[in-house]
Amino acid sequence: MKEAFLNELSDIVADAPFTLVCMVIDKRLLKKRSGDSKNPYHIALQYGLERLYFYLKEMEQGERVTHVVVEKRDESEDDDLELAFRRAVKGDNYRLQQFPFEIIFADKKSNSCGLQLADLVARPVGLSVLRPKQSNRAFQILKEKFYRDDKGQIEGRGLKRFPK
């Protein structure tokens, strides 16, 4: 029964039309290199917004306002994340440019399909980077979904690893 469920879920994901833009932060390596001075979630947010903007520009949607939905946590974490978001979209990013993004906080109870999909793909994508030799059936399906450059490479486009 479990195998049938996983096969059906794999087919649904394989057939679903979406593009992945993922950040994987190696928290242990980050802490080793920079101590506790950098928040891994804020780093992932900044890199993710940069790549999302690149993707939207390629799709000729780069100047349209895009709403970025994030899952609510507690008030303090939400405030910190919103501040990091606002900084990144106002120009605290790789290209020092403004992005036309707005943040929306969604309650976990909202049962958002997008947030559920993000939860579903996060672990296999993270494991593909942090434990590349480990068998990862889900990633084999997901790797076809990544945003790619014109040569078909996902590194730096649909998948950003930090630190390297």
N, C-alpha and C. Protein backbone atom coordinates (compact mmCIF):
# COMPACT_ATOMS: atom_id res chain seq x y z
N MET A 1 0.83 -1.19 0.00
CA MET A 1 0.00 0.00 0.00
C MET A 1 0.88 1.26 0.00
N LYS A 2 1.94 1.24 0.81
CA LYS A 2 2.86 2.38 0.86
C LYS A 2 3.51 2.61 -0.51
N GLU A 3 3.93 1.52 -1.14
CA GLU A 3 4.58 1.62 -2.44
C GLU A 3 3.62 2.17 -3.50
N ALA A 4 2.37 1.74 -3.45
CA ALA A 4 1.37 2.24 -4.39
C ALA A 4 1.15 3.74 -4.19
N PHE A 5 1.08 4.16 -2.93
CA PHE A 5 0.91 5.58 -2.61
C PHE A 5 2.10 6.39 -3.15
N LEU A 6 3.32 5.92 -2.88
CA LEU A 6 4.52 6.64 -3.34
C LEU A 6 4.60 6.69 -4.86
N ASN A 7 4.20 5.62 -5.53
CA ASN A 7 4.18 5.62 -6.99
C ASN A 7 3.18 6.64 -7.53
N GLU A 8 2.00 6.67 -6.93
CA GLU A 8 0.98 7.62 -7.38
C GLU A 8 1.41 9.07 -7.11
N LEU A 9 1.99 9.31 -5.94
CA LEU A 9 2.49 10.64 -5.61
C LEU A 9 3.61 11.05 -6.57
N SER A 10 4.49 10.12 -6.88
CA SER A 10 5.57 10.39 -7.83
C SER A 10 5.02 10.77 -9.20
N ASP A 11 4.00 10.06 -9.64
CA ASP A 11 3.37 10.37 -10.94
C ASP A 11 2.73 11.75 -10.93
N ILE A 12 2.08 12.10 -9.83
CA ILE A 12 1.44 13.42 -9.72
C ILE A 12 2.49 14.52 -9.81
N VAL A 13 3.57 14.37 -9.06
CA VAL A 13 4.65 15.37 -9.06
C VAL A 13 5.30 15.45 -10.44
N ALA A 14 5.56 14.31 -11.04
CA ALA A 14 6.20 14.29 -12.37
C ALA A 14 5.34 14.99 -13.41
N ASP A 15 4.02 14.85 -13.31
CA ASP A 15 3.10 15.43 -14.30
C ASP A 15 2.74 16.89 -14.01
N ALA A 16 2.95 17.34 -12.79
CA ALA A 16 2.53 18.70 -12.41
C ALA A 16 3.44 19.75 -13.06
N PRO A 17 2.82 20.81 -13.58
CA PRO A 17 3.61 21.87 -14.22
C PRO A 17 4.11 22.90 -13.20
N PHE A 18 5.35 22.78 -12.78
CA PHE A 18 5.96 23.77 -11.89
C PHE A 18 7.47 23.78 -12.13
N THR A 19 8.08 24.87 -11.71
CA THR A 19 9.52 25.04 -11.84
C THR A 19 10.08 25.29 -10.45
N LEU A 20 11.17 24.59 -10.13
CA LEU A 20 11.79 24.72 -8.82
C LEU A 20 12.93 25.73 -8.83
N VAL A 21 12.93 26.55 -7.79
CA VAL A 21 14.04 27.43 -7.47
C VAL A 21 14.31 27.17 -5.99
N CYS A 22 15.42 26.48 -5.71
CA CYS A 22 15.69 26.01 -4.35
C CYS A 22 17.05 26.47 -3.84
N MET A 23 17.10 26.76 -2.54
CA MET A 23 18.34 27.08 -1.86
C MET A 23 18.59 26.00 -0.83
N VAL A 24 19.83 25.53 -0.76
CA VAL A 24 20.20 24.57 0.28
C VAL A 24 21.34 25.21 1.06
N ILE A 25 21.10 25.45 2.33
CA ILE A 25 22.11 26.05 3.20
C ILE A 25 22.64 24.95 4.11
N ASP A 26 23.94 24.72 4.05
CA ASP A 26 24.59 23.77 4.94
C ASP A 26 24.87 24.52 6.25
N LYS A 27 23.97 24.38 7.22
CA LYS A 27 24.05 25.15 8.46
C LYS A 27 25.32 24.86 9.24
N ARG A 28 25.75 23.60 9.24
CA ARG A 28 26.99 23.27 9.97
C ARG A 28 28.20 23.96 9.37
N LEU A 29 28.31 23.92 8.06
CA LEU A 29 29.43 24.56 7.38
C LEU A 29 29.35 26.08 7.52
N LEU A 30 28.15 26.63 7.44
CA LEU A 30 27.95 28.07 7.60
C LEU A 30 28.40 28.51 9.00
N LYS A 31 28.00 27.75 10.01
CA LYS A 31 28.36 28.09 11.38
C LYS A 31 29.87 28.01 11.58
N LYS A 32 30.49 27.01 10.96
CA LYS A 32 31.93 26.85 11.05
C LYS A 32 32.65 28.06 10.44
N ARG A 33 32.12 28.54 9.33
CA ARG A 33 32.77 29.65 8.61
C ARG A 33 32.45 31.02 9.17
N SER A 34 31.24 31.20 9.67
CA SER A 34 30.86 32.56 10.10
C SER A 34 30.28 32.61 11.51
N GLY A 35 30.43 31.54 12.27
CA GLY A 35 29.87 31.54 13.62
C GLY A 35 28.37 31.67 13.58
N ASP A 36 27.82 32.39 14.51
CA ASP A 36 26.37 32.58 14.56
C ASP A 36 25.95 33.91 13.95
N SER A 37 26.84 34.55 13.19
CA SER A 37 26.56 35.90 12.70
C SER A 37 25.59 35.94 11.53
N LYS A 38 25.39 34.84 10.82
CA LYS A 38 24.50 34.85 9.66
C LYS A 38 23.30 33.94 9.87
N ASN A 39 22.13 34.46 9.60
CA ASN A 39 20.91 33.68 9.72
C ASN A 39 20.71 32.88 8.43
N PRO A 40 20.73 31.55 8.51
CA PRO A 40 20.62 30.74 7.28
C PRO A 40 19.31 30.96 6.53
N TYR A 41 18.24 31.25 7.24
CA TYR A 41 16.95 31.46 6.58
C TYR A 41 16.95 32.77 5.79
N HIS A 42 17.61 33.79 6.32
CA HIS A 42 17.69 35.07 5.62
C HIS A 42 18.58 34.95 4.38
N ILE A 43 19.66 34.19 4.50
CA ILE A 43 20.54 33.94 3.35
C ILE A 43 19.75 33.21 2.26
N ALA A 44 19.05 32.17 2.65
CA ALA A 44 18.25 31.40 1.67
C ALA A 44 17.19 32.28 1.03
N LEU A 45 16.56 33.14 1.82
CA LEU A 45 15.54 34.05 1.28
C LEU A 45 16.16 34.98 0.24
N GLN A 46 17.29 35.59 0.57
CA GLN A 46 17.92 36.52 -0.38
C GLN A 46 18.30 35.81 -1.67
N TYR A 47 18.99 34.68 -1.57
CA TYR A 47 19.37 33.95 -2.78
C TYR A 47 18.15 33.48 -3.57
N GLY A 48 17.13 33.06 -2.85
CA GLY A 48 15.92 32.60 -3.52
C GLY A 48 15.23 33.72 -4.28
N LEU A 49 15.14 34.90 -3.68
CA LEU A 49 14.51 36.03 -4.35
C LEU A 49 15.31 36.45 -5.58
N GLU A 50 16.63 36.42 -5.48
CA GLU A 50 17.47 36.75 -6.64
C GLU A 50 17.17 35.81 -7.80
N ARG A 51 17.17 34.53 -7.51
CA ARG A 51 16.95 33.55 -8.58
C ARG A 51 15.52 33.58 -9.10
N LEU A 52 14.58 33.83 -8.23
CA LEU A 52 13.20 33.99 -8.67
C LEU A 52 13.09 35.16 -9.64
N TYR A 53 13.75 36.25 -9.32
CA TYR A 53 13.73 37.41 -10.22
C TYR A 53 14.34 37.07 -11.58
N PHE A 54 15.49 36.38 -11.58
CA PHE A 54 16.13 35.98 -12.84
C PHE A 54 15.16 35.12 -13.67
N TYR A 55 14.52 34.18 -13.00
CA TYR A 55 13.57 33.30 -13.69
C TYR A 55 12.42 34.11 -14.29
N LEU A 56 11.83 34.99 -13.49
CA LEU A 56 10.70 35.78 -13.96
C LEU A 56 11.09 36.70 -15.11
N LYS A 57 12.30 37.24 -15.06
CA LYS A 57 12.78 38.07 -16.18
C LYS A 57 12.85 37.25 -17.46
N GLU A 58 13.36 36.03 -17.35
CA GLU A 58 13.43 35.16 -18.53
C GLU A 58 12.05 34.83 -19.08
N MET A 59 11.07 34.77 -18.20
CA MET A 59 9.69 34.50 -18.60
C MET A 59 8.94 35.77 -18.98
N GLU A 60 9.69 36.88 -19.08
CA GLU A 60 9.14 38.20 -19.40
C GLU A 60 8.08 38.65 -18.40
N GLN A 61 8.30 38.30 -17.15
CA GLN A 61 7.40 38.69 -16.06
C GLN A 61 8.16 39.47 -14.98
N GLY A 62 9.40 39.81 -15.23
CA GLY A 62 10.29 40.37 -14.22
C GLY A 62 9.87 41.70 -13.62
N GLU A 63 9.09 42.48 -14.34
CA GLU A 63 8.71 43.79 -13.81
C GLU A 63 7.31 43.81 -13.21
N ARG A 64 6.62 42.70 -13.26
CA ARG A 64 5.29 42.62 -12.67
C ARG A 64 5.41 42.31 -11.18
N VAL A 65 4.50 42.83 -10.40
CA VAL A 65 4.51 42.55 -8.96
C VAL A 65 4.21 41.07 -8.75
N THR A 66 5.05 40.42 -7.97
CA THR A 66 4.90 39.01 -7.65
C THR A 66 4.75 38.88 -6.15
N HIS A 67 3.75 38.13 -5.73
CA HIS A 67 3.54 37.89 -4.30
C HIS A 67 4.26 36.61 -3.90
N VAL A 68 5.09 36.73 -2.89
CA VAL A 68 5.86 35.60 -2.38
C VAL A 68 5.21 35.18 -1.07
N VAL A 69 4.71 33.94 -1.05
CA VAL A 69 3.99 33.44 0.12
C VAL A 69 4.95 32.65 1.00
N VAL A 70 4.99 33.01 2.27
CA VAL A 70 5.82 32.29 3.25
C VAL A 70 4.93 31.84 4.39
N GLU A 71 5.34 30.75 5.01
CA GLU A 71 4.54 30.20 6.10
C GLU A 71 4.81 30.96 7.39
N LYS A 72 3.72 31.33 8.07
CA LYS A 72 3.84 32.02 9.36
C LYS A 72 4.53 31.11 10.37
N ARG A 73 5.32 31.76 11.21
CA ARG A 73 5.94 31.06 12.35
C ARG A 73 5.45 31.80 13.59
N ASP A 74 6.39 32.27 14.41
CA ASP A 74 5.92 33.11 15.51
C ASP A 74 6.18 34.58 15.14
N GLU A 75 5.60 35.48 15.89
CA GLU A 75 5.62 36.90 15.53
C GLU A 75 7.04 37.44 15.37
N SER A 76 7.92 37.08 16.28
CA SER A 76 9.30 37.58 16.23
C SER A 76 10.03 37.08 14.97
N GLU A 77 9.89 35.79 14.67
CA GLU A 77 10.52 35.23 13.47
C GLU A 77 9.92 35.85 12.21
N ASP A 78 8.62 36.06 12.21
CA ASP A 78 7.95 36.67 11.06
C ASP A 78 8.45 38.09 10.85
N ASP A 79 8.60 38.85 11.93
CA ASP A 79 9.10 40.22 11.83
C ASP A 79 10.52 40.24 11.26
N ASP A 80 11.37 39.33 11.76
CA ASP A 80 12.76 39.25 11.27
C ASP A 80 12.79 38.87 9.79
N LEU A 81 11.96 37.90 9.41
CA LEU A 81 11.92 37.46 8.02
C LEU A 81 11.40 38.58 7.11
N GLU A 82 10.37 39.28 7.56
CA GLU A 82 9.84 40.37 6.75
C GLU A 82 10.88 41.47 6.56
N LEU A 83 11.64 41.77 7.60
CA LEU A 83 12.70 42.78 7.48
C LEU A 83 13.76 42.32 6.47
N ALA A 84 14.19 41.06 6.56
CA ALA A 84 15.17 40.52 5.61
C ALA A 84 14.61 40.54 4.19
N PHE A 85 13.33 40.23 4.04
CA PHE A 85 12.67 40.26 2.73
C PHE A 85 12.69 41.68 2.17
N ARG A 86 12.27 42.63 2.97
CA ARG A 86 12.18 44.02 2.51
C ARG A 86 13.57 44.56 2.14
N ARG A 87 14.58 44.19 2.89
CA ARG A 87 15.95 44.61 2.56
C ARG A 87 16.37 44.04 1.21
N ALA A 88 16.12 42.75 1.02
CA ALA A 88 16.53 42.10 -0.23
C ALA A 88 15.82 42.71 -1.43
N VAL A 89 14.53 42.98 -1.32
CA VAL A 89 13.81 43.53 -2.48
C VAL A 89 14.12 45.01 -2.72
N LYS A 90 14.65 45.68 -1.72
CA LYS A 90 15.01 47.10 -1.88
C LYS A 90 16.44 47.27 -2.39
N GLY A 91 17.18 46.16 -2.61
CA GLY A 91 18.50 46.28 -3.21
C GLY A 91 19.63 45.63 -2.46
N ASP A 92 19.36 45.04 -1.28
CA ASP A 92 20.41 44.32 -0.55
C ASP A 92 20.48 42.91 -1.13
N ASN A 93 21.05 42.83 -2.35
CA ASN A 93 21.14 41.56 -3.06
C ASN A 93 22.35 41.61 -3.99
N TYR A 94 22.62 40.53 -4.65
CA TYR A 94 23.79 40.37 -5.50
C TYR A 94 23.94 41.48 -6.53
N ARG A 95 22.86 41.85 -7.17
CA ARG A 95 22.93 42.87 -8.23
C ARG A 95 22.58 44.27 -7.74
N LEU A 96 22.35 44.41 -6.46
CA LEU A 96 22.01 45.70 -5.87
C LEU A 96 20.82 46.36 -6.59
N GLN A 97 19.84 45.53 -6.95
CA GLN A 97 18.68 46.06 -7.65
C GLN A 97 17.40 45.76 -6.89
N GLN A 98 16.38 46.55 -7.18
CA GLN A 98 15.09 46.34 -6.53
C GLN A 98 14.30 45.28 -7.28
N PHE A 99 13.55 44.49 -6.52
CA PHE A 99 12.71 43.45 -7.09
C PHE A 99 11.25 43.79 -6.81
N PRO A 100 10.35 43.55 -7.75
CA PRO A 100 8.93 43.88 -7.56
C PRO A 100 8.16 42.77 -6.82
N PHE A 101 8.61 42.44 -5.63
CA PHE A 101 8.00 41.37 -4.85
C PHE A 101 7.32 41.93 -3.62
N GLU A 102 6.23 41.29 -3.25
CA GLU A 102 5.53 41.59 -2.00
C GLU A 102 5.42 40.29 -1.21
N ILE A 103 5.54 40.40 0.09
CA ILE A 103 5.49 39.22 0.95
C ILE A 103 4.08 39.02 1.49
N ILE A 104 3.66 37.77 1.54
CA ILE A 104 2.39 37.39 2.14
C ILE A 104 2.68 36.26 3.12
N PHE A 105 2.22 36.42 4.35
CA PHE A 105 2.36 35.38 5.36
C PHE A 105 1.09 34.55 5.37
N ALA A 106 1.24 33.25 5.21
CA ALA A 106 0.09 32.34 5.22
C ALA A 106 0.16 31.47 6.47
N ASP A 107 -0.95 31.37 7.14
CA ASP A 107 -1.04 30.51 8.31
C ASP A 107 -0.93 29.06 7.87
N LYS A 108 -0.29 28.25 8.68
CA LYS A 108 -0.14 26.82 8.37
C LYS A 108 -1.51 26.17 8.14
N LYS A 109 -2.50 26.65 8.85
CA LYS A 109 -3.86 26.10 8.74
C LYS A 109 -4.52 26.43 7.39
N SER A 110 -3.93 27.35 6.64
CA SER A 110 -4.52 27.72 5.34
C SER A 110 -4.46 26.56 4.35
N ASN A 111 -3.59 25.59 4.64
CA ASN A 111 -3.49 24.39 3.81
C ASN A 111 -3.16 24.74 2.36
N SER A 112 -2.27 25.72 2.19
CA SER A 112 -1.88 26.19 0.86
C SER A 112 -1.21 25.08 0.05
N CYS A 113 -1.70 24.85 -1.16
CA CYS A 113 -1.10 23.83 -2.04
C CYS A 113 0.36 24.14 -2.32
N GLY A 114 0.67 25.42 -2.56
CA GLY A 114 2.05 25.81 -2.84
C GLY A 114 2.98 25.53 -1.67
N LEU A 115 2.53 25.85 -0.46
CA LEU A 115 3.36 25.58 0.72
C LEU A 115 3.50 24.08 0.97
N GLN A 116 2.43 23.33 0.70
CA GLN A 116 2.52 21.87 0.85
C GLN A 116 3.51 21.29 -0.15
N LEU A 117 3.49 21.80 -1.37
CA LEU A 117 4.43 21.34 -2.38
C LEU A 117 5.86 21.69 -1.97
N ALA A 118 6.05 22.91 -1.44
CA ALA A 118 7.38 23.31 -0.97
C ALA A 118 7.86 22.37 0.13
N ASP A 119 6.99 22.02 1.07
CA ASP A 119 7.35 21.07 2.12
C ASP A 119 7.71 19.70 1.54
N LEU A 120 6.97 19.30 0.53
CA LEU A 120 7.17 17.99 -0.08
C LEU A 120 8.52 17.89 -0.79
N VAL A 121 8.96 18.95 -1.42
CA VAL A 121 10.21 18.90 -2.18
C VAL A 121 11.44 19.28 -1.36
N ALA A 122 11.25 19.98 -0.25
CA ALA A 122 12.39 20.51 0.51
C ALA A 122 13.35 19.41 0.97
N ARG A 123 12.84 18.38 1.57
CA ARG A 123 13.72 17.34 2.11
C ARG A 123 14.51 16.61 1.02
N PRO A 124 13.87 16.11 -0.03
CA PRO A 124 14.67 15.42 -1.05
C PRO A 124 15.70 16.32 -1.72
N VAL A 125 15.36 17.59 -1.92
CA VAL A 125 16.33 18.50 -2.53
C VAL A 125 17.50 18.74 -1.57
N GLY A 126 17.19 19.00 -0.32
CA GLY A 126 18.25 19.20 0.68
C GLY A 126 19.15 17.99 0.82
N LEU A 127 18.54 16.82 0.87
CA LEU A 127 19.34 15.59 0.99
C LEU A 127 20.22 15.35 -0.23
N SER A 128 19.75 15.76 -1.40
CA SER A 128 20.56 15.57 -2.62
C SER A 128 21.87 16.33 -2.54
N VAL A 129 21.87 17.43 -1.79
CA VAL A 129 23.08 18.25 -1.63
C VAL A 129 23.89 17.79 -0.42
N LEU A 130 23.21 17.61 0.69
CA LEU A 130 23.91 17.31 1.94
C LEU A 130 24.36 15.85 2.06
N ARG A 131 23.64 14.95 1.39
CA ARG A 131 24.01 13.53 1.38
C ARG A 131 23.90 12.99 -0.05
N PRO A 132 24.76 13.44 -0.93
CA PRO A 132 24.61 13.11 -2.36
C PRO A 132 24.72 11.63 -2.70
N LYS A 133 25.35 10.84 -1.86
CA LYS A 133 25.50 9.39 -2.14
C LYS A 133 24.29 8.58 -1.67
N GLN A 134 23.43 9.19 -0.88
CA GLN A 134 22.25 8.50 -0.36
C GLN A 134 21.20 8.34 -1.46
N SER A 135 20.57 7.18 -1.52
CA SER A 135 19.49 6.96 -2.48
C SER A 135 18.39 7.99 -2.24
N ASN A 136 17.85 8.54 -3.34
CA ASN A 136 16.90 9.64 -3.22
C ASN A 136 15.92 9.58 -4.40
N ARG A 137 14.98 8.69 -4.30
CA ARG A 137 14.00 8.45 -5.36
C ARG A 137 13.24 9.71 -5.75
N ALA A 138 12.84 10.49 -4.76
CA ALA A 138 12.05 11.69 -5.04
C ALA A 138 12.87 12.71 -5.83
N PHE A 139 14.15 12.83 -5.51
CA PHE A 139 14.97 13.80 -6.21
C PHE A 139 15.12 13.45 -7.68
N GLN A 140 15.11 12.17 -8.00
CA GLN A 140 15.23 11.75 -9.40
C GLN A 140 14.08 12.32 -10.23
N ILE A 141 12.92 12.46 -9.61
CA ILE A 141 11.76 13.05 -10.29
C ILE A 141 11.88 14.57 -10.29
N LEU A 142 12.28 15.13 -9.15
CA LEU A 142 12.33 16.58 -8.99
C LEU A 142 13.41 17.23 -9.85
N LYS A 143 14.49 16.53 -10.13
CA LYS A 143 15.59 17.18 -10.84
C LYS A 143 15.19 17.64 -12.24
N GLU A 144 14.11 17.10 -12.77
CA GLU A 144 13.61 17.56 -14.07
C GLU A 144 12.84 18.87 -13.96
N LYS A 145 12.53 19.30 -12.75
CA LYS A 145 11.68 20.46 -12.53
C LYS A 145 12.45 21.75 -12.27
N PHE A 146 13.76 21.69 -12.17
CA PHE A 146 14.54 22.86 -11.80
C PHE A 146 14.65 23.89 -12.92
N TYR A 147 14.67 25.13 -12.52
CA TYR A 147 15.00 26.24 -13.41
C TYR A 147 16.44 26.03 -13.87
N ARG A 148 16.69 26.17 -15.17
CA ARG A 148 18.00 25.88 -15.76
C ARG A 148 18.49 27.06 -16.60
N ASP A 149 19.81 27.09 -16.80
CA ASP A 149 20.34 28.09 -17.72
C ASP A 149 20.20 27.57 -19.14
N ASP A 150 20.67 28.33 -20.11
CA ASP A 150 20.50 27.94 -21.51
C ASP A 150 21.32 26.71 -21.91
N LYS A 151 22.21 26.26 -21.01
CA LYS A 151 22.98 25.04 -21.26
C LYS A 151 22.40 23.84 -20.50
N GLY A 152 21.30 24.07 -19.81
CA GLY A 152 20.65 22.98 -19.07
C GLY A 152 21.16 22.78 -17.66
N GLN A 153 22.04 23.66 -17.19
CA GLN A 153 22.60 23.53 -15.84
C GLN A 153 21.64 24.11 -14.81
N ILE A 154 21.50 23.42 -13.68
CA ILE A 154 20.63 23.93 -12.62
C ILE A 154 21.42 24.67 -11.54
N GLU A 155 22.69 24.34 -11.38
CA GLU A 155 23.51 24.96 -10.33
C GLU A 155 23.58 26.47 -10.53
N GLY A 156 23.23 27.20 -9.49
CA GLY A 156 23.25 28.66 -9.56
C GLY A 156 21.97 29.26 -10.12
N ARG A 157 21.13 28.46 -10.70
CA ARG A 157 19.84 28.93 -11.23
C ARG A 157 18.71 28.36 -10.37
N GLY A 158 18.38 27.10 -10.63
CA GLY A 158 17.30 26.47 -9.90
C GLY A 158 17.74 25.85 -8.59
N LEU A 159 19.05 25.74 -8.41
CA LEU A 159 19.58 25.16 -7.17
C LEU A 159 20.82 25.95 -6.77
N LYS A 160 20.74 26.56 -5.61
CA LYS A 160 21.87 27.32 -5.05
C LYS A 160 22.29 26.64 -3.76
N ARG A 161 23.58 26.33 -3.67
CA ARG A 161 24.15 25.74 -2.46
C ARG A 161 24.99 26.79 -1.77
N PHE A 162 24.88 26.87 -0.45
CA PHE A 162 25.69 27.82 0.30
C PHE A 162 25.96 27.29 1.69
N PRO A 163 27.16 27.45 2.20
CA PRO A 163 28.35 27.80 1.44
C PRO A 163 28.84 26.61 0.64
N LYS A 164 29.70 26.88 -0.32
CA LYS A 164 30.24 25.79 -1.15
C LYS A 164 31.51 25.27 -0.52
